[in-house]
Amino acid sequence: MQGFIRIAVFYDGSHFTYAQNYFYGKGQGWLSFKPLHKFVQEYVKKQLQGDYEYKVVYSSWYQGLFTANNAEERNLKTDRRRHHDLMHAGIETKFHPMSHTKGEKGVDVAMAIDILEMGLSDIFDVAVLVTGDGDFVPLARVLMKHTISVVNLYFDYEEAGHKSFSNERLKEACSYEVNFNDLEGHKEFKGHFKSCFRHAEDSKA
């Protein structure tokens, strides 16, 4: 870790997708990955306060995926746009089959195992969990046990019957927790918040 802090960002795809659609619907723009990673680097630097270089060296996306026949047609174009953004940002996508009856069953388990294997292989020093799912509490505790700092980055809002938040036990289990929505009015990070959104005239993620 000397001189260089390796950050890995792990996306709970459903948690992020709902938030991305929420912000877009409010007219704030399309929440984009590259500027979000820049914010993550600055946030971790502020928290650790060491004289190091801070860099997101790996990121991955986990989500259940319907077949084209089972997906809603109006969502397919938005999904394709998001998938291209993931590729442009260098985020490894890890989709899992999903059914209408069982939903995303097993995706969180696969995500946790993947993160744990990488953490124990000394691939990163800081893990950023973009999720609000309390099922990741044991994972956060094990990573912390192995001296890996854990940041819980989540979205907190309510719209049309959907409430997004992070489980209290998960926040307590992590080294740091960040409510992305709060950054809009944050004195130090509100500029980063604004820069995370791409508008129609912009061409890249």
Protein backbone atom coordinates (compact mmCIF):
# COMPACT_ATOMS: atom_id res chain seq x y z
CA MET A 1 0.00 0.00 0.00
CA GLN A 2 3.01 2.28 0.34
CA GLY A 3 2.65 5.36 -1.85
CA PHE A 4 -0.46 4.12 -3.66
CA ILE A 5 -3.99 3.42 -2.41
CA ARG A 6 -5.90 1.02 -4.64
CA ILE A 7 -9.67 1.59 -4.65
CA ALA A 8 -12.22 -0.89 -5.99
CA VAL A 9 -15.84 0.11 -6.62
CA PHE A 10 -18.55 -2.56 -6.57
CA TYR A 11 -22.00 -1.69 -7.91
CA ASP A 12 -25.26 -3.26 -6.84
CA GLY A 13 -26.75 -2.67 -10.29
CA SER A 14 -30.37 -2.42 -9.18
CA HIS A 15 -29.59 0.10 -6.43
CA PHE A 16 -27.69 2.29 -8.89
CA THR A 17 -30.18 1.90 -11.75
CA TYR A 18 -33.13 3.07 -9.66
CA ALA A 19 -31.11 6.10 -8.55
CA GLN A 20 -29.93 6.87 -12.07
CA ASN A 21 -33.52 6.83 -13.33
CA TYR A 22 -34.63 8.93 -10.34
CA PHE A 23 -32.12 11.71 -11.00
CA TYR A 24 -32.78 11.65 -14.74
CA GLY A 25 -36.52 11.95 -14.12
CA LYS A 26 -35.89 15.01 -11.95
CA GLY A 27 -34.04 16.67 -14.82
CA GLN A 28 -30.61 16.55 -13.19
CA GLY A 29 -29.07 14.58 -16.01
CA TRP A 30 -27.63 11.11 -16.46
CA LEU A 31 -25.57 9.96 -13.46
CA SER A 32 -22.21 8.94 -14.95
CA PHE A 33 -19.50 6.61 -13.77
CA LYS A 34 -16.22 8.32 -14.61
CA PRO A 35 -16.91 11.53 -12.66
CA LEU A 36 -18.38 9.44 -9.84
CA HIS A 37 -15.08 7.56 -9.60
CA LYS A 38 -13.23 10.88 -9.44
CA PHE A 39 -15.42 11.85 -6.50
CA VAL A 40 -14.71 8.50 -4.84
CA GLN A 41 -10.98 9.11 -5.14
CA GLU A 42 -11.28 12.56 -3.58
CA TYR A 43 -13.55 11.29 -0.81
CA VAL A 44 -11.24 8.43 0.15
CA LYS A 45 -8.26 10.79 0.08
CA LYS A 46 -10.03 13.13 2.49
CA GLN A 47 -10.92 10.31 4.87
CA LEU A 48 -7.55 8.53 4.94
CA GLN A 49 -5.51 11.76 4.80
CA GLY A 50 -2.31 9.99 3.86
CA ASP A 51 0.33 11.31 1.50
CA TYR A 52 -0.53 8.77 -1.17
CA GLU A 53 -1.89 8.59 -4.68
CA TYR A 54 -5.54 7.46 -4.67
CA LYS A 55 -6.82 5.61 -7.71
CA VAL A 56 -9.83 3.49 -8.66
CA VAL A 57 -8.05 0.46 -10.10
CA TYR A 58 -11.03 -1.85 -10.50
CA SER A 59 -14.82 -1.66 -10.67
CA SER A 60 -17.57 -4.16 -11.37
CA TRP A 61 -21.34 -4.20 -11.84
CA TYR A 62 -23.68 -6.92 -10.58
CA GLN A 63 -27.28 -7.23 -11.70
CA GLY A 64 -29.98 -9.70 -12.61
CA LEU A 65 -30.98 -9.58 -16.27
CA PHE A 66 -34.28 -10.52 -17.88
CA THR A 67 -34.34 -12.10 -21.32
CA ALA A 68 -35.40 -9.71 -24.13
CA ASN A 69 -38.79 -11.45 -24.26
CA ASN A 70 -39.45 -10.74 -20.58
CA ALA A 71 -38.06 -7.19 -20.48
CA GLU A 72 -40.23 -4.14 -21.01
CA GLU A 73 -39.54 -2.69 -24.46
CA ARG A 74 -39.40 0.89 -23.19
CA ASN A 75 -36.52 -0.06 -20.87
CA LEU A 76 -34.36 -1.83 -23.44
CA LYS A 77 -32.99 1.39 -24.99
CA THR A 78 -32.15 2.85 -21.58
CA ASP A 79 -30.48 -0.40 -20.56
CA ARG A 80 -28.37 -0.41 -23.73
CA ARG A 81 -27.30 3.16 -23.03
CA ARG A 82 -26.29 2.19 -19.51
CA HIS A 83 -24.37 -0.86 -20.74
CA HIS A 84 -22.36 1.32 -23.13
CA ASP A 85 -21.58 3.71 -20.29
CA LEU A 86 -20.30 0.79 -18.23
CA MET A 87 -18.02 -0.30 -21.06
CA HIS A 88 -16.69 3.23 -21.64
CA ALA A 89 -15.94 3.55 -17.93
CA GLY A 90 -14.04 0.24 -17.87
CA ILE A 91 -16.47 -1.36 -15.43
CA GLU A 92 -16.62 -5.14 -15.59
CA THR A 93 -20.23 -6.30 -15.97
CA LYS A 94 -21.42 -9.45 -14.24
CA PHE A 95 -25.02 -10.19 -15.12
CA HIS A 96 -27.03 -13.08 -13.75
CA PRO A 97 -30.20 -14.65 -15.16
CA MET A 98 -33.37 -13.29 -13.59
CA SER A 99 -36.94 -14.54 -13.62
CA HIS A 100 -40.26 -12.84 -12.86
CA THR A 101 -40.95 -15.31 -10.05
CA LYS A 102 -37.59 -15.35 -8.23
CA GLY A 103 -36.32 -11.88 -9.12
CA GLU A 104 -32.61 -11.24 -8.49
CA LYS A 105 -32.18 -14.20 -6.20
CA GLY A 106 -28.50 -15.07 -5.82
CA VAL A 107 -27.01 -11.88 -7.25
CA ASP A 108 -25.99 -10.48 -3.85
CA VAL A 109 -24.38 -13.81 -2.91
CA ALA A 110 -22.35 -13.88 -6.13
CA MET A 111 -21.34 -10.26 -5.59
CA ALA A 112 -20.22 -10.89 -2.00
CA ILE A 113 -18.19 -13.98 -2.91
CA ASP A 114 -16.51 -12.14 -5.78
CA ILE A 115 -15.56 -9.17 -3.61
CA LEU A 116 -14.30 -11.39 -0.81
CA GLU A 117 -12.10 -13.44 -3.14
CA MET A 118 -10.55 -10.29 -4.59
CA GLY A 119 -10.11 -8.73 -1.17
CA LEU A 120 -8.29 -11.76 0.19
CA SER A 121 -6.10 -11.77 -2.94
CA ASP A 122 -4.79 -8.30 -2.05
CA ILE A 123 -6.18 -6.63 -5.17
CA PHE A 124 -7.40 -3.48 -3.41
CA ASP A 125 -6.92 -1.48 -0.20
CA VAL A 126 -10.34 0.21 -0.12
CA ALA A 127 -13.66 -1.34 -1.16
CA VAL A 128 -16.54 0.97 -2.09
CA LEU A 129 -19.88 -0.83 -1.88
CA VAL A 130 -22.53 1.00 -3.90
CA THR A 131 -25.56 -0.58 -2.28
CA GLY A 132 -27.98 -0.32 0.59
CA ASP A 133 -28.47 -4.06 1.09
CA GLY A 134 -28.02 -5.30 4.65
CA ASP A 135 -26.97 -8.71 3.31
CA PHE A 136 -23.50 -7.24 2.80
CA VAL A 137 -22.90 -6.70 6.52
CA PRO A 138 -20.90 -9.96 6.96
CA LEU A 139 -18.80 -9.09 3.91
CA ALA A 140 -17.97 -5.63 5.26
CA ARG A 141 -16.95 -7.10 8.60
CA VAL A 142 -14.66 -9.69 7.04
CA LEU A 143 -12.98 -7.11 4.81
CA MET A 144 -12.44 -4.84 7.80
CA LYS A 145 -10.98 -7.79 9.71
CA HIS A 146 -8.39 -8.09 6.95
CA THR A 147 -7.48 -4.37 7.24
CA ILE A 148 -9.41 -3.33 4.13
CA SER A 149 -11.29 -0.06 4.53
CA VAL A 150 -14.92 -0.23 3.41
CA VAL A 151 -17.03 2.69 2.16
CA ASN A 152 -20.79 2.35 1.81
CA LEU A 153 -21.93 4.72 -0.94
CA TYR A 154 -25.70 4.76 -1.27
CA PHE A 155 -28.69 6.75 -2.51
CA ASP A 156 -31.39 8.00 -0.14
CA TYR A 157 -34.69 9.17 -1.66
CA GLU A 158 -38.34 8.21 -2.06
CA GLU A 159 -40.40 8.43 -5.22
CA ALA A 160 -43.61 6.80 -6.49
CA GLY A 161 -43.66 4.19 -3.76
CA HIS A 162 -39.99 3.26 -4.15
CA LYS A 163 -37.78 4.10 -1.16
CA SER A 164 -34.00 3.93 -1.52
CA PHE A 165 -31.75 3.91 1.55
CA SER A 166 -28.95 1.96 3.19
CA ASN A 167 -29.44 -0.56 5.94
CA GLU A 168 -28.35 0.88 9.30
CA ARG A 169 -26.36 -2.23 10.18
CA LEU A 170 -24.46 -2.00 6.92
CA LYS A 171 -23.54 1.63 7.53
CA GLU A 172 -22.35 0.78 11.02
CA ALA A 173 -20.29 -2.16 9.73
CA CYS A 174 -18.36 -0.02 7.24
CA SER A 175 -15.44 2.31 7.84
CA TYR A 176 -17.30 5.21 6.20
CA GLU A 177 -20.77 5.83 4.78
CA VAL A 178 -21.77 8.35 2.12
CA ASN A 179 -25.32 9.38 1.26
CA PHE A 180 -24.82 10.60 -2.32
CA ASN A 181 -27.99 12.71 -2.21
CA ASP A 182 -26.58 14.75 0.67
CA LEU A 183 -23.62 15.84 -1.47
CA GLU A 184 -25.83 18.24 -3.41
CA GLY A 185 -25.69 20.68 -0.51
CA HIS A 186 -22.26 19.69 0.84
CA LYS A 187 -19.88 22.64 1.02
CA GLU A 188 -16.85 20.67 -0.14
CA PHE A 189 -18.38 18.11 -2.50
CA LYS A 190 -21.34 19.86 -4.13
CA GLY A 191 -19.15 20.61 -7.15
CA HIS A 192 -18.39 16.91 -7.49
CA PHE A 193 -22.09 16.14 -7.17
CA LYS A 194 -22.96 18.45 -10.05
CA SER A 195 -20.14 17.13 -12.24
CA CYS A 196 -21.43 13.56 -11.90
CA PHE A 197 -24.37 14.27 -14.21
CA ARG A 198 -24.19 14.22 -17.99
CA HIS A 199 -26.72 16.06 -20.12
CA ALA A 200 -28.00 15.43 -23.63
CA GLU A 201 -25.38 17.63 -25.24
CA ASP A 202 -22.54 15.63 -23.67
CA SER A 203 -21.27 12.66 -25.61
CA LYS A 204 -19.30 10.51 -23.18
CA ALA A 205 -19.89 8.84 -19.81
